[in-house]
Amino acid sequence: MRSRLSVVAARSASLRRGFVTQ
């Protein structure tokens, strides 16, 4: 379960970084 949360958090950060870069 923690692994999934970590993956979701990493994806959220990636998406946020992508939006900020745009």
Protein backbone atom coordinates (compact mmCIF):
# COMPACT_ATOMS: atom_id res chain seq x y z
CA MET A 1 0.00 0.00 0.00
CA ARG A 2 2.83 2.39 0.83
CA SER A 3 4.43 1.63 -2.54
CA ARG A 4 1.21 2.65 -4.30
CA LEU A 5 0.99 5.88 -2.31
CA SER A 6 4.60 6.61 -3.23
CA VAL A 7 3.88 6.03 -6.91
CA VAL A 8 0.80 8.24 -6.79
CA ALA A 9 2.73 10.98 -4.99
CA ALA A 10 5.54 10.79 -7.56
CA ARG A 11 3.00 10.99 -10.41
CA SER A 12 1.27 13.96 -8.79
CA ALA A 13 4.61 15.77 -8.43
CA SER A 14 5.48 14.94 -12.05
CA LEU A 15 2.14 16.28 -13.31
CA ARG A 16 2.49 19.40 -11.16
CA ARG A 17 6.01 19.98 -12.49
CA GLY A 18 4.74 19.53 -16.05
CA PHE A 19 2.01 22.12 -15.49
CA VAL A 20 4.46 24.55 -13.91
CA THR A 21 6.90 24.10 -16.79
CA GLN A 22 4.12 24.78 -19.29
